[in-house]
Amino acid sequence: MILAAGRGERMRPLTDHTPKPLLLVAGQPLIVWHLRRLAAAGIHNVVINHAWLGEQIEATLGDGHSWGVSIQYSPEQTALETAGGIANALPLLGADPFLVLNGDVWCDWPLERALDRFGKTPSPTDPLAHLVLVPNPSHHPEGDFSIGPQGRLSPHHRPLLTYAGLGVFYPELFAGIARHEPSALAPLLKHAMAQGRVTGERHAGQWMDVGTVERLSALEQLLR
């Protein structure tokens, strides 16, 4: 699943008439970089949620055939936040674990590694999510989570790393969220962490949160 429902307030005026996932980076929309990498990794079934100017996303990407994927859409009248958007899309995602990508990040973590976790049903003690973490960027120096024994994550210990907006999730994590209801991801993850049911790994490669015009320009330079 690619999360693409955000308004992109910090990117205005660029996002006043263009949804952030369709902003061009090195000659193609940001979200197309995701689609190409997913197809190359062997992940071909994709769900995309959208809200702000979502009709442009559907008109541009269509069924995904041009990039070697098959796209289904999960429209939202108003953005449901991360967990709410995922929960709303569960009927399209199915009963197995699935990869989730923030539509406004760039990361060279090898997406094929997610395949190792697909098709598995968790036991009552197995992790419900596996997150990719990165060194804290200058715009988020406080970080989010730490990696402990057996790769279990915690929001309390040090040092903290930043959630990269990329992870594998089990549908069971979202079982308590009603469809069409806004819900944030962080409280859900912290509750599961308290039960020891979230793992993670540190990625030392390239990563960028494309949240401002300046970082969009920086990614343009990197990809060119």
Protein backbone atom coordinates (compact mmCIF):
# COMPACT_ATOMS: atom_id res chain seq x y z
CA MET A 1 0.00 0.00 0.00
CA ILE A 2 1.19 3.50 -0.87
CA LEU A 3 -0.15 6.24 1.39
CA ALA A 4 -1.07 9.21 -0.80
CA ALA A 5 -3.96 10.96 0.94
CA GLY A 6 -2.12 13.88 2.57
CA ARG A 7 -2.80 17.50 1.70
CA GLY A 8 0.88 18.49 1.52
CA GLU A 9 0.46 21.77 3.38
CA ARG A 10 4.21 22.39 3.70
CA MET A 11 4.61 22.01 -0.06
CA ARG A 12 2.18 24.77 -0.98
CA PRO A 13 1.76 26.40 -3.43
CA LEU A 14 3.02 23.36 -5.41
CA THR A 15 0.29 21.17 -3.94
CA ASP A 16 -2.57 23.65 -4.37
CA HIS A 17 -3.35 22.16 -7.77
CA THR A 18 -1.24 18.97 -7.83
CA PRO A 19 -1.33 16.19 -5.20
CA LYS A 20 2.09 15.75 -3.59
CA PRO A 21 2.64 12.19 -4.94
CA LEU A 22 2.40 13.56 -8.49
CA LEU A 23 5.04 16.26 -8.07
CA LEU A 24 7.79 15.65 -10.59
CA VAL A 25 11.21 14.49 -9.41
CA ALA A 26 13.93 13.90 -12.00
CA GLY A 27 11.37 13.73 -14.78
CA GLN A 28 8.65 11.53 -13.27
CA PRO A 29 6.08 11.75 -10.47
CA LEU A 30 7.39 10.89 -7.02
CA ILE A 31 4.92 8.02 -6.67
CA VAL A 32 6.08 6.47 -9.96
CA TRP A 33 9.53 5.94 -8.43
CA HIS A 34 7.74 3.77 -5.84
CA LEU A 35 5.79 1.84 -8.48
CA ARG A 36 8.92 1.07 -10.51
CA ARG A 37 10.82 -0.13 -7.45
CA LEU A 38 7.90 -2.28 -6.28
CA ALA A 39 7.63 -3.95 -9.68
CA ALA A 40 11.40 -4.56 -9.77
CA ALA A 41 11.17 -6.19 -6.32
CA GLY A 42 8.42 -8.56 -7.47
CA ILE A 43 5.57 -6.76 -5.71
CA HIS A 44 2.89 -6.19 -8.34
CA ASN A 45 -0.42 -5.75 -6.48
CA VAL A 46 -0.66 -2.20 -5.14
CA VAL A 47 -3.32 -0.30 -3.19
CA ILE A 48 -3.19 3.51 -3.15
CA ASN A 49 -5.34 5.65 -0.88
CA HIS A 50 -6.07 9.25 -1.78
CA ALA A 51 -8.13 12.24 -0.68
CA TRP A 52 -6.83 15.65 -1.81
CA LEU A 53 -7.07 15.85 -5.62
CA GLY A 54 -7.26 12.07 -5.71
CA GLU A 55 -8.93 12.03 -9.11
CA GLN A 56 -5.65 13.31 -10.56
CA ILE A 57 -3.79 10.34 -9.07
CA GLU A 58 -6.22 7.87 -10.63
CA ALA A 59 -6.17 9.67 -13.99
CA THR A 60 -2.37 9.71 -14.07
CA LEU A 61 -1.64 6.18 -12.85
CA GLY A 62 -4.67 4.31 -14.16
CA ASP A 63 -4.48 0.59 -13.48
CA GLY A 64 -0.67 0.71 -13.13
CA HIS A 65 -0.02 -1.41 -16.23
CA SER A 66 2.50 1.10 -17.59
CA TRP A 67 4.78 0.43 -14.60
CA GLY A 68 4.29 -3.31 -14.29
CA VAL A 69 1.85 -3.25 -11.38
CA SER A 70 -1.88 -3.62 -10.81
CA ILE A 71 -3.38 -0.73 -8.82
CA GLN A 72 -6.55 -0.61 -6.75
CA TYR A 73 -7.64 2.66 -5.14
CA SER A 74 -9.01 3.40 -1.68
CA PRO A 75 -10.58 6.87 -1.89
CA GLU A 76 -11.23 8.93 1.24
CA GLN A 77 -13.58 11.90 1.36
CA THR A 78 -11.28 13.47 3.94
CA ALA A 79 -7.87 12.10 4.88
CA LEU A 80 -8.21 9.43 7.59
CA GLU A 81 -4.61 9.66 8.87
CA THR A 82 -2.21 6.77 8.50
CA ALA A 83 -3.84 4.01 10.57
CA GLY A 84 -7.33 5.06 9.51
CA GLY A 85 -6.34 4.99 5.85
CA ILE A 86 -4.82 1.53 6.18
CA ALA A 87 -7.80 0.18 8.12
CA ASN A 88 -10.15 1.60 5.50
CA ALA A 89 -8.24 -0.25 2.78
CA LEU A 90 -8.11 -3.65 4.51
CA PRO A 91 -10.81 -5.17 2.26
CA LEU A 92 -8.46 -4.54 -0.68
CA LEU A 93 -5.30 -5.62 1.16
CA GLY A 94 -6.54 -9.04 2.24
CA ALA A 95 -5.70 -11.24 5.22
CA ASP A 96 -1.92 -11.51 4.77
CA PRO A 97 0.87 -9.12 5.83
CA PHE A 98 1.46 -6.21 3.47
CA LEU A 99 4.11 -3.58 2.80
CA VAL A 100 3.21 0.08 3.45
CA LEU A 101 5.10 3.01 1.94
CA ASN A 102 4.58 6.68 2.65
CA GLY A 103 4.02 8.30 -0.73
CA ASP A 104 6.23 11.27 0.18
CA VAL A 105 9.48 9.50 1.11
CA TRP A 106 12.41 8.26 -0.91
CA CYS A 107 14.36 5.28 0.39
CA ASP A 108 16.65 2.70 -1.21
CA TRP A 109 15.85 -0.05 1.31
CA PRO A 110 15.56 -3.24 -0.77
CA LEU A 111 11.81 -3.77 -1.04
CA GLU A 112 12.20 -7.45 -1.91
CA ARG A 113 13.10 -8.05 1.74
CA ALA A 114 9.44 -7.49 2.57
CA LEU A 115 8.58 -10.66 0.66
CA ASP A 116 10.07 -12.77 3.46
CA ARG A 117 7.22 -11.68 5.73
CA PHE A 118 4.35 -12.10 3.27
CA GLY A 119 1.91 -14.98 3.57
CA LYS A 120 2.41 -15.54 7.28
CA THR A 121 -0.23 -15.58 10.02
CA PRO A 122 1.06 -14.34 13.38
CA SER A 123 0.76 -16.33 16.58
CA PRO A 124 -0.48 -14.45 19.71
CA THR A 125 3.11 -13.43 20.48
CA ASP A 126 4.47 -12.75 17.00
CA PRO A 127 5.17 -9.17 15.83
CA LEU A 128 2.28 -7.31 14.22
CA ALA A 129 4.58 -4.88 12.42
CA HIS A 130 8.17 -4.63 11.21
CA LEU A 131 9.44 -1.09 10.66
CA VAL A 132 12.41 0.34 8.80
CA LEU A 133 14.22 2.98 10.87
CA VAL A 134 16.82 5.51 9.74
CA PRO A 135 19.27 7.91 11.47
CA ASN A 136 17.48 11.02 12.67
CA PRO A 137 17.39 13.80 10.05
CA SER A 138 18.00 17.42 11.02
CA HIS A 139 14.28 18.21 10.83
CA HIS A 140 13.38 15.35 13.23
CA PRO A 141 16.33 15.13 15.67
CA GLU A 142 14.32 13.60 18.53
CA GLY A 143 13.63 10.36 16.64
CA ASP A 144 10.77 7.91 17.21
CA PHE A 145 11.75 4.42 18.37
CA SER A 146 14.73 2.40 19.58
CA ILE A 147 15.75 -1.13 18.64
CA GLY A 148 16.15 -3.53 21.56
CA PRO A 149 16.85 -7.24 22.00
CA GLN A 150 15.57 -9.52 19.22
CA GLY A 151 14.88 -6.39 17.19
CA ARG A 152 11.91 -5.38 19.35
CA LEU A 153 11.09 -1.68 19.20
CA SER A 154 10.42 0.72 22.05
CA PRO A 155 9.50 4.43 22.18
CA HIS A 156 11.23 4.94 25.53
CA HIS A 157 14.85 3.80 25.38
CA ARG A 158 17.82 5.54 23.80
CA PRO A 159 19.15 6.04 21.21
CA LEU A 160 16.03 6.73 19.18
CA LEU A 161 15.87 6.39 15.41
CA THR A 162 13.32 7.79 12.94
CA TYR A 163 10.55 5.71 11.38
CA ALA A 164 11.24 5.78 7.64
CA GLY A 165 7.58 5.62 6.58
CA LEU A 166 8.16 2.07 5.36
CA GLY A 167 7.19 -1.18 7.02
CA VAL A 168 5.39 -4.52 6.85
CA PHE A 169 2.11 -4.71 8.76
CA TYR A 170 -0.30 -7.47 9.74
CA PRO A 171 -4.04 -6.76 9.33
CA GLU A 172 -4.58 -7.79 12.96
CA LEU A 173 -2.86 -4.58 14.09
CA PHE A 174 -5.79 -2.55 12.71
CA ALA A 175 -8.61 -4.83 13.86
CA GLY A 176 -9.98 -2.32 16.37
CA ILE A 177 -10.27 0.59 13.93
CA ALA A 178 -13.61 1.24 12.26
CA ARG A 179 -13.62 1.94 8.55
CA HIS A 180 -14.00 5.58 7.51
CA GLU A 181 -12.77 6.76 10.93
CA PRO A 182 -9.57 8.85 11.29
CA SER A 183 -6.86 7.16 13.35
CA ALA A 184 -3.18 7.90 13.91
CA LEU A 185 -0.54 5.19 13.58
CA ALA A 186 1.83 6.12 16.42
CA PRO A 187 -0.53 5.29 19.34
CA LEU A 188 -1.37 1.96 17.72
CA LEU A 189 2.30 1.09 17.33
CA LYS A 190 3.20 2.15 20.87
CA HIS A 191 0.44 -0.05 22.29
CA ALA A 192 1.76 -3.02 20.29
CA MET A 193 5.34 -2.19 21.36
CA ALA A 194 4.30 -2.36 25.00
CA GLN A 195 3.32 -5.97 24.27
CA GLY A 196 6.62 -6.65 22.49
CA ARG A 197 4.88 -7.07 19.14
CA VAL A 198 6.74 -4.61 16.90
CA THR A 199 10.17 -5.30 15.43
CA GLY A 200 12.41 -3.15 13.29
CA GLU A 201 15.73 -2.71 11.58
CA ARG A 202 18.14 0.15 10.98
CA HIS A 203 18.70 1.24 7.38
CA ALA A 204 21.92 3.14 6.78
CA GLY A 205 21.36 3.84 3.09
CA GLN A 206 19.64 6.73 1.34
CA TRP A 207 16.41 8.11 2.75
CA MET A 208 14.61 11.41 2.42
CA ASP A 209 11.29 12.73 3.69
CA VAL A 210 10.09 14.91 0.81
CA GLY A 211 8.07 17.20 3.05
CA THR A 212 9.20 20.62 1.88
CA VAL A 213 10.04 22.34 -1.38
CA GLU A 214 13.70 22.41 -0.33
CA ARG A 215 13.82 18.65 0.24
CA LEU A 216 12.03 18.08 -3.06
CA SER A 217 14.86 20.02 -4.75
CA ALA A 218 17.45 18.01 -2.83
CA LEU A 219 15.90 14.74 -4.01
CA GLU A 220 15.86 16.08 -7.56
CA GLN A 221 19.63 16.62 -7.35
CA LEU A 222 20.19 13.18 -5.80
CA LEU A 223 18.23 11.28 -8.42
CA ARG A 224 19.75 13.18 -11.31
